[in-house]
Amino acid sequence: MRRGLVHVLAWSLATGAAVTLSWWGVHTVMTGTVYDRPRALPITAADATTQGAKPLASSTNRATPSKGSVTPSSPSPKPTETPRTPTPSKTPPQNTGPSPTTSGQVKSYDTDGGRVVFDIGATSATLVSATPGAGWSMQVWKTQTWIRVEFGAGADRVSVFCTWHDGPPRVEIGNY
């Protein structure tokens, strides 16, 4: 009986040590992969639709069924309304000056490894989002004068550099 208790105690200690070591290793690696979340850009009057500020649908909100649309409980096989798509408003954009949170144009760059979106201003840039393609991983480096996004898959590497240390921001894409 005593011998069995010693074996169970030894097994419990070894298992606890292994779980602790594994958790610490995974935690250390995952902490290094976190980057700033993309920020939402403000919507100006030029971005408004003719339907006002009411969104049609998004990936996180389900559209509420309209009066004539088909729902699981409705017996009608066809909707009576046609879906509407947003159209840009015809009003000219109002020049209210740059917002302190945005400084320029939002530009996206599609590469073999994924997609990178920058908010490019006159003297600096910020990373809006970076999304790796299927089968690709991603790393992001940021400093005061440049941002680098690198996509990797096996031995293939695609880097997207945005630099502004010696002039206005410019973007360079390189395959390695």
N, C-alpha and C. Protein backbone atom coordinates (compact mmCIF):
# COMPACT_ATOMS: atom_id res chain seq x y z
N MET A 1 0.82 -1.19 0.00
CA MET A 1 0.00 0.00 0.00
C MET A 1 0.87 1.25 0.00
N ARG A 2 1.89 1.24 0.86
CA ARG A 2 2.77 2.40 0.96
C ARG A 2 3.53 2.60 -0.35
N ARG A 3 3.94 1.51 -0.97
CA ARG A 3 4.68 1.59 -2.22
C ARG A 3 3.80 2.20 -3.32
N GLY A 4 2.53 1.81 -3.40
CA GLY A 4 1.59 2.36 -4.38
C GLY A 4 1.36 3.85 -4.15
N LEU A 5 1.28 4.28 -2.91
CA LEU A 5 1.09 5.69 -2.58
C LEU A 5 2.30 6.51 -3.02
N VAL A 6 3.51 5.95 -2.84
CA VAL A 6 4.73 6.64 -3.27
C VAL A 6 4.74 6.78 -4.79
N HIS A 7 4.31 5.75 -5.52
CA HIS A 7 4.25 5.83 -6.98
C HIS A 7 3.24 6.90 -7.44
N VAL A 8 2.10 6.93 -6.81
CA VAL A 8 1.08 7.94 -7.17
C VAL A 8 1.59 9.34 -6.87
N LEU A 9 2.25 9.53 -5.75
CA LEU A 9 2.80 10.84 -5.39
C LEU A 9 3.88 11.26 -6.40
N ALA A 10 4.75 10.33 -6.77
CA ALA A 10 5.81 10.64 -7.74
C ALA A 10 5.20 10.99 -9.10
N TRP A 11 4.20 10.21 -9.51
CA TRP A 11 3.54 10.50 -10.78
C TRP A 11 2.87 11.87 -10.74
N SER A 12 2.20 12.20 -9.65
CA SER A 12 1.52 13.50 -9.52
C SER A 12 2.51 14.65 -9.58
N LEU A 13 3.63 14.53 -8.91
CA LEU A 13 4.65 15.59 -8.93
C LEU A 13 5.24 15.75 -10.33
N ALA A 14 5.54 14.64 -11.00
CA ALA A 14 6.10 14.72 -12.35
C ALA A 14 5.10 15.34 -13.33
N THR A 15 3.84 14.95 -13.22
CA THR A 15 2.80 15.50 -14.10
C THR A 15 2.61 17.00 -13.83
N GLY A 16 2.57 17.38 -12.57
CA GLY A 16 2.43 18.80 -12.23
C GLY A 16 3.60 19.62 -12.75
N ALA A 17 4.82 19.10 -12.63
CA ALA A 17 6.00 19.81 -13.15
C ALA A 17 5.93 19.93 -14.67
N ALA A 18 5.51 18.87 -15.36
CA ALA A 18 5.41 18.90 -16.83
C ALA A 18 4.36 19.91 -17.29
N VAL A 19 3.21 19.94 -16.63
CA VAL A 19 2.16 20.88 -17.00
C VAL A 19 2.63 22.32 -16.76
N THR A 20 3.28 22.56 -15.64
CA THR A 20 3.77 23.91 -15.33
C THR A 20 4.80 24.36 -16.36
N LEU A 21 5.73 23.48 -16.71
CA LEU A 21 6.75 23.82 -17.70
C LEU A 21 6.13 24.08 -19.06
N SER A 22 5.17 23.26 -19.46
CA SER A 22 4.50 23.46 -20.75
C SER A 22 3.74 24.78 -20.77
N TRP A 23 3.00 25.07 -19.71
CA TRP A 23 2.25 26.33 -19.65
C TRP A 23 3.18 27.52 -19.73
N TRP A 24 4.28 27.46 -19.01
CA TRP A 24 5.23 28.57 -19.02
C TRP A 24 5.81 28.77 -20.42
N GLY A 25 6.16 27.69 -21.10
CA GLY A 25 6.71 27.79 -22.45
C GLY A 25 5.72 28.37 -23.44
N VAL A 26 4.50 27.88 -23.43
CA VAL A 26 3.48 28.38 -24.34
C VAL A 26 3.15 29.84 -24.03
N HIS A 27 3.04 30.17 -22.76
CA HIS A 27 2.74 31.54 -22.36
C HIS A 27 3.83 32.50 -22.85
N THR A 28 5.09 32.10 -22.72
CA THR A 28 6.21 32.93 -23.16
C THR A 28 6.15 33.17 -24.67
N VAL A 29 5.89 32.13 -25.43
CA VAL A 29 5.83 32.27 -26.89
C VAL A 29 4.64 33.12 -27.31
N MET A 30 3.48 32.87 -26.72
CA MET A 30 2.28 33.61 -27.11
C MET A 30 2.35 35.08 -26.72
N THR A 31 3.02 35.41 -25.64
CA THR A 31 3.14 36.80 -25.23
C THR A 31 3.92 37.60 -26.27
N GLY A 32 4.88 36.99 -26.93
CA GLY A 32 5.67 37.68 -27.94
C GLY A 32 4.96 37.89 -29.25
N THR A 33 3.82 37.26 -29.48
CA THR A 33 3.13 37.37 -30.77
C THR A 33 2.02 38.40 -30.77
N VAL A 34 1.72 39.02 -29.67
CA VAL A 34 0.61 39.97 -29.59
C VAL A 34 1.04 41.30 -30.20
N TYR A 35 0.18 41.90 -31.00
CA TYR A 35 0.43 43.22 -31.54
C TYR A 35 -0.81 44.09 -31.32
N ASP A 36 -0.65 45.39 -31.55
CA ASP A 36 -1.75 46.32 -31.32
C ASP A 36 -2.94 45.97 -32.20
N ARG A 37 -4.12 46.06 -31.58
CA ARG A 37 -5.33 45.82 -32.35
C ARG A 37 -5.55 46.95 -33.34
N PRO A 38 -6.10 46.66 -34.51
CA PRO A 38 -6.38 47.74 -35.46
C PRO A 38 -7.43 48.67 -34.88
N ARG A 39 -7.27 49.95 -35.17
CA ARG A 39 -8.24 50.91 -34.65
C ARG A 39 -9.21 51.28 -35.76
N ALA A 40 -10.41 51.62 -35.37
CA ALA A 40 -11.43 52.00 -36.34
C ALA A 40 -11.19 53.44 -36.77
N LEU A 41 -11.33 53.70 -38.04
CA LEU A 41 -11.18 55.05 -38.55
C LEU A 41 -12.53 55.74 -38.52
N PRO A 42 -12.55 57.05 -38.20
CA PRO A 42 -13.83 57.75 -38.14
C PRO A 42 -14.48 57.86 -39.51
N ILE A 43 -15.80 57.85 -39.52
CA ILE A 43 -16.55 57.99 -40.76
C ILE A 43 -16.88 59.46 -40.94
N THR A 44 -16.54 59.99 -42.10
CA THR A 44 -16.81 61.39 -42.39
C THR A 44 -18.11 61.49 -43.19
N ALA A 45 -18.55 62.70 -43.42
CA ALA A 45 -19.78 62.92 -44.17
C ALA A 45 -19.67 62.36 -45.59
N ALA A 46 -18.47 62.35 -46.16
CA ALA A 46 -18.29 61.83 -47.51
C ALA A 46 -18.46 60.32 -47.54
N ASP A 47 -18.27 59.64 -46.42
CA ASP A 47 -18.39 58.19 -46.37
C ASP A 47 -19.82 57.73 -46.10
N ALA A 48 -20.73 58.63 -45.79
CA ALA A 48 -22.10 58.25 -45.43
C ALA A 48 -22.83 57.71 -46.65
N THR A 49 -23.81 56.89 -46.42
CA THR A 49 -24.62 56.37 -47.52
C THR A 49 -25.92 57.13 -47.61
N THR A 50 -26.67 56.88 -48.68
CA THR A 50 -27.95 57.57 -48.83
C THR A 50 -28.96 57.09 -47.81
N GLN A 51 -28.70 55.96 -47.17
CA GLN A 51 -29.60 55.46 -46.15
C GLN A 51 -29.26 56.02 -44.78
N GLY A 52 -28.36 56.94 -44.71
CA GLY A 52 -27.96 57.50 -43.43
C GLY A 52 -26.89 56.64 -42.80
N ALA A 53 -26.85 56.62 -41.48
CA ALA A 53 -25.81 55.89 -40.78
C ALA A 53 -26.23 54.48 -40.42
N LYS A 54 -27.36 54.01 -40.91
CA LYS A 54 -27.86 52.69 -40.56
C LYS A 54 -27.11 51.62 -41.35
N PRO A 55 -26.39 50.71 -40.68
CA PRO A 55 -25.68 49.66 -41.42
C PRO A 55 -26.66 48.61 -41.94
N LEU A 56 -26.31 48.01 -43.07
CA LEU A 56 -27.16 46.95 -43.60
C LEU A 56 -26.92 45.65 -42.85
N ALA A 57 -25.68 45.24 -42.72
CA ALA A 57 -25.33 44.03 -41.99
C ALA A 57 -23.82 44.03 -41.79
N SER A 58 -23.37 43.24 -40.85
CA SER A 58 -21.94 43.08 -40.66
C SER A 58 -21.67 41.64 -40.26
N SER A 59 -20.40 41.30 -40.13
CA SER A 59 -20.06 39.93 -39.78
C SER A 59 -20.39 39.62 -38.33
N THR A 60 -20.58 40.64 -37.49
CA THR A 60 -20.87 40.40 -36.09
C THR A 60 -22.32 40.67 -35.72
N ASN A 61 -23.04 41.38 -36.56
CA ASN A 61 -24.45 41.66 -36.29
C ASN A 61 -25.29 41.05 -37.38
N ARG A 62 -26.33 40.39 -37.00
CA ARG A 62 -27.25 39.81 -37.96
C ARG A 62 -28.26 40.87 -38.37
N ALA A 63 -28.53 40.95 -39.64
CA ALA A 63 -29.53 41.90 -40.12
C ALA A 63 -30.91 41.46 -39.65
N THR A 64 -31.71 42.43 -39.24
CA THR A 64 -33.06 42.09 -38.82
C THR A 64 -33.90 41.86 -40.07
N PRO A 65 -34.73 40.85 -40.07
CA PRO A 65 -35.51 40.58 -41.28
C PRO A 65 -36.50 41.71 -41.56
N SER A 66 -36.60 42.06 -42.83
CA SER A 66 -37.56 43.09 -43.21
C SER A 66 -38.94 42.47 -43.32
N LYS A 67 -39.93 43.31 -43.54
CA LYS A 67 -41.31 42.86 -43.55
C LYS A 67 -41.56 41.78 -44.60
N GLY A 68 -40.92 41.90 -45.76
CA GLY A 68 -41.20 40.96 -46.83
C GLY A 68 -40.15 39.87 -46.98
N SER A 69 -39.18 39.79 -46.10
CA SER A 69 -38.13 38.78 -46.28
C SER A 69 -38.57 37.44 -45.73
N VAL A 70 -37.88 36.40 -46.18
CA VAL A 70 -38.21 35.04 -45.77
C VAL A 70 -37.51 34.74 -44.45
N THR A 71 -38.25 34.24 -43.50
CA THR A 71 -37.70 33.78 -42.24
C THR A 71 -38.05 32.31 -42.11
N PRO A 72 -37.38 31.57 -41.21
CA PRO A 72 -37.70 30.15 -41.09
C PRO A 72 -39.16 29.87 -40.80
N SER A 73 -39.85 30.77 -40.12
CA SER A 73 -41.24 30.51 -39.76
C SER A 73 -42.23 31.06 -40.78
N SER A 74 -41.74 31.82 -41.77
CA SER A 74 -42.69 32.41 -42.72
C SER A 74 -42.99 31.43 -43.84
N PRO A 75 -44.26 31.35 -44.27
CA PRO A 75 -44.63 30.39 -45.30
C PRO A 75 -44.31 30.89 -46.71
N SER A 76 -44.07 32.17 -46.91
CA SER A 76 -43.85 32.71 -48.24
C SER A 76 -42.49 32.27 -48.78
N PRO A 77 -42.43 31.70 -49.99
CA PRO A 77 -41.15 31.23 -50.51
C PRO A 77 -40.29 32.33 -51.08
N LYS A 78 -40.84 33.51 -51.39
CA LYS A 78 -40.07 34.57 -52.02
C LYS A 78 -40.16 35.85 -51.21
N PRO A 79 -39.06 36.62 -51.15
CA PRO A 79 -39.16 37.93 -50.51
C PRO A 79 -39.90 38.88 -51.44
N THR A 80 -40.57 39.85 -50.87
CA THR A 80 -41.29 40.83 -51.68
C THR A 80 -40.43 42.06 -51.94
N GLU A 81 -39.31 42.20 -51.22
CA GLU A 81 -38.41 43.33 -51.43
C GLU A 81 -37.12 42.83 -52.05
N THR A 82 -36.49 43.68 -52.85
CA THR A 82 -35.17 43.33 -53.36
C THR A 82 -34.13 43.91 -52.41
N PRO A 83 -33.01 43.21 -52.20
CA PRO A 83 -32.00 43.75 -51.29
C PRO A 83 -31.40 45.03 -51.83
N ARG A 84 -31.10 45.94 -50.93
CA ARG A 84 -30.49 47.21 -51.30
C ARG A 84 -29.00 47.19 -51.00
N THR A 85 -28.24 47.81 -51.88
CA THR A 85 -26.80 47.96 -51.63
C THR A 85 -26.54 49.43 -51.34
N PRO A 86 -25.58 49.72 -50.47
CA PRO A 86 -25.32 51.12 -50.17
C PRO A 86 -24.72 51.84 -51.37
N THR A 87 -25.13 53.07 -51.55
CA THR A 87 -24.58 53.88 -52.62
C THR A 87 -23.97 55.14 -52.00
N PRO A 88 -22.87 55.62 -52.56
CA PRO A 88 -22.25 56.82 -51.99
C PRO A 88 -23.17 58.02 -52.13
N SER A 89 -23.09 58.91 -51.17
CA SER A 89 -23.92 60.10 -51.23
C SER A 89 -23.36 61.06 -52.27
N LYS A 90 -24.21 61.90 -52.78
CA LYS A 90 -23.81 62.85 -53.82
C LYS A 90 -23.32 64.17 -53.23
N THR A 91 -23.33 64.31 -51.91
CA THR A 91 -22.88 65.55 -51.31
C THR A 91 -21.36 65.64 -51.38
N PRO A 92 -20.82 66.83 -51.66
CA PRO A 92 -19.37 66.96 -51.72
C PRO A 92 -18.77 66.81 -50.32
N PRO A 93 -17.56 66.27 -50.22
CA PRO A 93 -16.94 66.11 -48.91
C PRO A 93 -16.66 67.44 -48.26
N GLN A 94 -16.87 67.50 -46.97
CA GLN A 94 -16.59 68.71 -46.22
C GLN A 94 -15.15 68.66 -45.75
N ASN A 95 -14.41 69.72 -45.98
CA ASN A 95 -13.03 69.77 -45.56
C ASN A 95 -12.98 70.34 -44.15
N THR A 96 -12.95 69.47 -43.17
CA THR A 96 -12.91 69.91 -41.79
C THR A 96 -11.50 69.84 -41.22
N GLY A 97 -10.53 69.52 -42.06
CA GLY A 97 -9.14 69.39 -41.59
C GLY A 97 -8.90 67.98 -41.10
N PRO A 98 -7.65 67.63 -40.95
CA PRO A 98 -7.34 66.27 -40.53
C PRO A 98 -7.71 66.02 -39.08
N SER A 99 -8.17 64.84 -38.81
CA SER A 99 -8.49 64.43 -37.45
C SER A 99 -7.20 64.06 -36.74
N PRO A 100 -7.11 64.24 -35.41
CA PRO A 100 -5.88 63.89 -34.73
C PRO A 100 -5.59 62.40 -34.74
N THR A 101 -6.61 61.55 -34.97
CA THR A 101 -6.37 60.11 -34.97
C THR A 101 -6.02 59.56 -36.34
N THR A 102 -6.37 60.25 -37.40
CA THR A 102 -6.00 59.81 -38.74
C THR A 102 -5.20 60.90 -39.40
N SER A 103 -4.27 60.48 -40.21
CA SER A 103 -3.40 61.49 -40.79
C SER A 103 -3.32 61.40 -42.30
N GLY A 104 -3.96 60.46 -42.92
CA GLY A 104 -3.81 60.37 -44.36
C GLY A 104 -4.78 59.43 -45.01
N GLN A 105 -4.25 58.63 -45.93
CA GLN A 105 -5.06 57.71 -46.71
C GLN A 105 -4.84 56.29 -46.23
N VAL A 106 -5.90 55.52 -46.24
CA VAL A 106 -5.80 54.10 -45.90
C VAL A 106 -5.54 53.35 -47.20
N LYS A 107 -4.41 52.64 -47.24
CA LYS A 107 -4.03 51.90 -48.45
C LYS A 107 -3.76 50.45 -48.08
N SER A 108 -4.20 49.54 -48.96
CA SER A 108 -3.99 48.13 -48.70
C SER A 108 -3.03 47.57 -49.74
N TYR A 109 -2.25 46.57 -49.31
CA TYR A 109 -1.25 45.94 -50.16
C TYR A 109 -1.45 44.43 -50.09
N ASP A 110 -1.82 43.82 -51.23
CA ASP A 110 -2.00 42.38 -51.29
C ASP A 110 -0.70 41.74 -51.77
N THR A 111 -0.25 40.71 -51.06
CA THR A 111 0.96 39.99 -51.42
C THR A 111 0.64 38.50 -51.51
N ASP A 112 1.65 37.70 -51.87
CA ASP A 112 1.46 36.25 -51.91
C ASP A 112 1.17 35.72 -50.52
N GLY A 113 1.73 36.37 -49.48
CA GLY A 113 1.58 35.88 -48.11
C GLY A 113 0.37 36.39 -47.37
N GLY A 114 -0.22 37.48 -47.82
CA GLY A 114 -1.36 38.03 -47.12
C GLY A 114 -1.61 39.47 -47.51
N ARG A 115 -2.37 40.16 -46.66
CA ARG A 115 -2.78 41.54 -46.95
C ARG A 115 -2.40 42.44 -45.79
N VAL A 116 -1.85 43.62 -46.11
CA VAL A 116 -1.46 44.61 -45.11
C VAL A 116 -2.17 45.92 -45.45
N VAL A 117 -2.71 46.59 -44.40
CA VAL A 117 -3.39 47.86 -44.60
C VAL A 117 -2.72 48.90 -43.70
N PHE A 118 -2.28 50.02 -44.31
CA PHE A 118 -1.65 51.12 -43.59
C PHE A 118 -2.49 52.37 -43.69
N ASP A 119 -2.46 53.20 -42.65
CA ASP A 119 -3.00 54.55 -42.70
C ASP A 119 -1.78 55.44 -42.92
N ILE A 120 -1.62 55.94 -44.14
CA ILE A 120 -0.41 56.67 -44.53
C ILE A 120 -0.69 58.17 -44.50
N GLY A 121 0.04 58.87 -43.65
CA GLY A 121 -0.08 60.32 -43.54
C GLY A 121 1.06 61.03 -44.25
N ALA A 122 1.20 62.32 -43.99
CA ALA A 122 2.24 63.11 -44.64
C ALA A 122 3.62 62.83 -44.05
N THR A 123 3.69 62.55 -42.74
CA THR A 123 4.99 62.37 -42.10
C THR A 123 5.15 61.05 -41.36
N SER A 124 4.10 60.24 -41.29
CA SER A 124 4.19 58.95 -40.60
C SER A 124 3.10 58.03 -41.10
N ALA A 125 3.10 56.80 -40.59
CA ALA A 125 2.08 55.81 -40.97
C ALA A 125 1.77 54.94 -39.76
N THR A 126 0.59 54.33 -39.78
CA THR A 126 0.22 53.38 -38.74
C THR A 126 -0.33 52.13 -39.42
N LEU A 127 -0.17 51.00 -38.75
CA LEU A 127 -0.68 49.73 -39.25
C LEU A 127 -2.15 49.61 -38.86
N VAL A 128 -3.02 49.46 -39.85
CA VAL A 128 -4.44 49.29 -39.58
C VAL A 128 -4.73 47.81 -39.37
N SER A 129 -4.26 46.95 -40.28
CA SER A 129 -4.45 45.51 -40.11
C SER A 129 -3.45 44.76 -40.96
N ALA A 130 -3.20 43.52 -40.57
CA ALA A 130 -2.36 42.61 -41.34
C ALA A 130 -2.98 41.23 -41.21
N THR A 131 -3.28 40.61 -42.34
CA THR A 131 -3.96 39.32 -42.35
C THR A 131 -3.18 38.34 -43.20
N PRO A 132 -2.66 37.26 -42.60
CA PRO A 132 -1.93 36.28 -43.40
C PRO A 132 -2.87 35.45 -44.25
N GLY A 133 -2.37 34.98 -45.39
CA GLY A 133 -3.14 34.10 -46.25
C GLY A 133 -3.17 32.70 -45.66
N ALA A 134 -3.95 31.83 -46.28
CA ALA A 134 -4.06 30.45 -45.80
C ALA A 134 -2.70 29.76 -45.88
N GLY A 135 -2.28 29.17 -44.77
CA GLY A 135 -1.00 28.47 -44.72
C GLY A 135 0.20 29.36 -44.44
N TRP A 136 -0.01 30.65 -44.24
CA TRP A 136 1.07 31.59 -43.97
C TRP A 136 0.99 32.05 -42.51
N SER A 137 2.15 32.32 -41.92
CA SER A 137 2.20 32.92 -40.59
C SER A 137 2.64 34.37 -40.74
N MET A 138 2.60 35.13 -39.65
CA MET A 138 2.86 36.55 -39.74
C MET A 138 3.61 37.05 -38.52
N GLN A 139 4.51 38.00 -38.71
CA GLN A 139 5.17 38.71 -37.63
C GLN A 139 5.15 40.19 -37.94
N VAL A 140 5.07 41.02 -36.88
CA VAL A 140 5.01 42.47 -37.06
C VAL A 140 6.07 43.12 -36.18
N TRP A 141 6.83 44.06 -36.75
CA TRP A 141 7.78 44.86 -35.99
C TRP A 141 7.44 46.33 -36.21
N LYS A 142 7.50 47.12 -35.12
CA LYS A 142 7.19 48.55 -35.21
C LYS A 142 8.27 49.34 -34.50
N THR A 143 8.65 50.47 -35.08
CA THR A 143 9.53 51.44 -34.42
C THR A 143 8.93 52.82 -34.66
N GLN A 144 9.66 53.85 -34.25
CA GLN A 144 9.19 55.23 -34.44
C GLN A 144 9.25 55.65 -35.91
N THR A 145 10.07 54.97 -36.74
CA THR A 145 10.27 55.42 -38.12
C THR A 145 9.97 54.36 -39.17
N TRP A 146 9.55 53.16 -38.80
CA TRP A 146 9.18 52.15 -39.78
C TRP A 146 8.32 51.06 -39.16
N ILE A 147 7.60 50.36 -40.04
CA ILE A 147 6.79 49.20 -39.67
C ILE A 147 7.12 48.10 -40.67
N ARG A 148 7.34 46.89 -40.16
CA ARG A 148 7.62 45.75 -41.03
C ARG A 148 6.64 44.64 -40.71
N VAL A 149 5.99 44.11 -41.74
CA VAL A 149 5.13 42.94 -41.60
C VAL A 149 5.74 41.85 -42.47
N GLU A 150 6.01 40.70 -41.86
CA GLU A 150 6.60 39.59 -42.61
C GLU A 150 5.68 38.39 -42.57
N PHE A 151 5.36 37.86 -43.75
CA PHE A 151 4.58 36.64 -43.88
C PHE A 151 5.54 35.50 -44.19
N GLY A 152 5.32 34.35 -43.58
CA GLY A 152 6.19 33.20 -43.82
C GLY A 152 5.41 31.93 -44.01
N ALA A 153 5.90 31.10 -44.93
CA ALA A 153 5.34 29.76 -45.17
C ALA A 153 6.50 28.88 -45.59
N GLY A 154 6.94 28.02 -44.68
CA GLY A 154 8.12 27.18 -44.97
C GLY A 154 9.34 28.06 -45.12
N ALA A 155 10.01 27.94 -46.27
CA ALA A 155 11.20 28.75 -46.53
C ALA A 155 10.86 30.06 -47.24
N ASP A 156 9.61 30.25 -47.64
CA ASP A 156 9.20 31.46 -48.35
C ASP A 156 8.93 32.59 -47.37
N ARG A 157 9.35 33.80 -47.72
CA ARG A 157 9.13 34.98 -46.90
C ARG A 157 8.70 36.13 -47.80
N VAL A 158 7.69 36.88 -47.34
CA VAL A 158 7.26 38.10 -48.01
C VAL A 158 7.24 39.19 -46.95
N SER A 159 8.01 40.27 -47.19
CA SER A 159 8.06 41.38 -46.23
C SER A 159 7.44 42.62 -46.85
N VAL A 160 6.67 43.32 -46.03
CA VAL A 160 6.09 44.60 -46.43
C VAL A 160 6.66 45.64 -45.46
N PHE A 161 7.47 46.56 -45.99
CA PHE A 161 8.09 47.61 -45.19
C PHE A 161 7.40 48.94 -45.48
N CYS A 162 7.09 49.68 -44.43
CA CYS A 162 6.62 51.05 -44.57
C CYS A 162 7.61 51.90 -43.77
N THR A 163 8.33 52.78 -44.46
CA THR A 163 9.34 53.60 -43.80
C THR A 163 9.05 55.07 -44.04
N TRP A 164 9.43 55.91 -43.05
CA TRP A 164 9.27 57.35 -43.16
C TRP A 164 10.39 58.08 -42.43
N HIS A 165 11.55 57.45 -42.27
CA HIS A 165 12.63 58.06 -41.50
C HIS A 165 13.33 59.19 -42.24
N ASP A 166 13.31 59.20 -43.57
CA ASP A 166 14.02 60.24 -44.31
C ASP A 166 13.12 60.96 -45.31
N GLY A 167 11.83 60.97 -45.06
CA GLY A 167 10.90 61.65 -45.95
C GLY A 167 9.49 61.15 -45.71
N PRO A 168 8.60 61.39 -46.67
CA PRO A 168 7.22 60.91 -46.50
C PRO A 168 7.18 59.38 -46.52
N PRO A 169 6.15 58.77 -45.95
CA PRO A 169 6.07 57.31 -45.91
C PRO A 169 6.07 56.69 -47.30
N ARG A 170 6.78 55.58 -47.41
CA ARG A 170 6.78 54.80 -48.65
C ARG A 170 6.73 53.32 -48.28
N VAL A 171 6.14 52.52 -49.15
CA VAL A 171 5.95 51.10 -48.88
C VAL A 171 6.76 50.30 -49.91
N GLU A 172 7.51 49.32 -49.39
CA GLU A 172 8.28 48.42 -50.27
C GLU A 172 7.90 46.99 -49.91
N ILE A 173 7.72 46.17 -50.97
CA ILE A 173 7.36 44.76 -50.79
C ILE A 173 8.48 43.92 -51.37
N GLY A 174 8.95 42.95 -50.55
CA GLY A 174 10.04 42.09 -51.02
C GLY A 174 9.74 40.62 -50.77
N ASN A 175 10.05 39.78 -51.75
CA ASN A 175 9.91 38.33 -51.61
C ASN A 175 11.29 37.74 -51.38
N TYR A 176 11.42 36.90 -50.36
CA TYR A 176 12.72 36.31 -50.02
C TYR A 176 12.62 34.81 -50.03
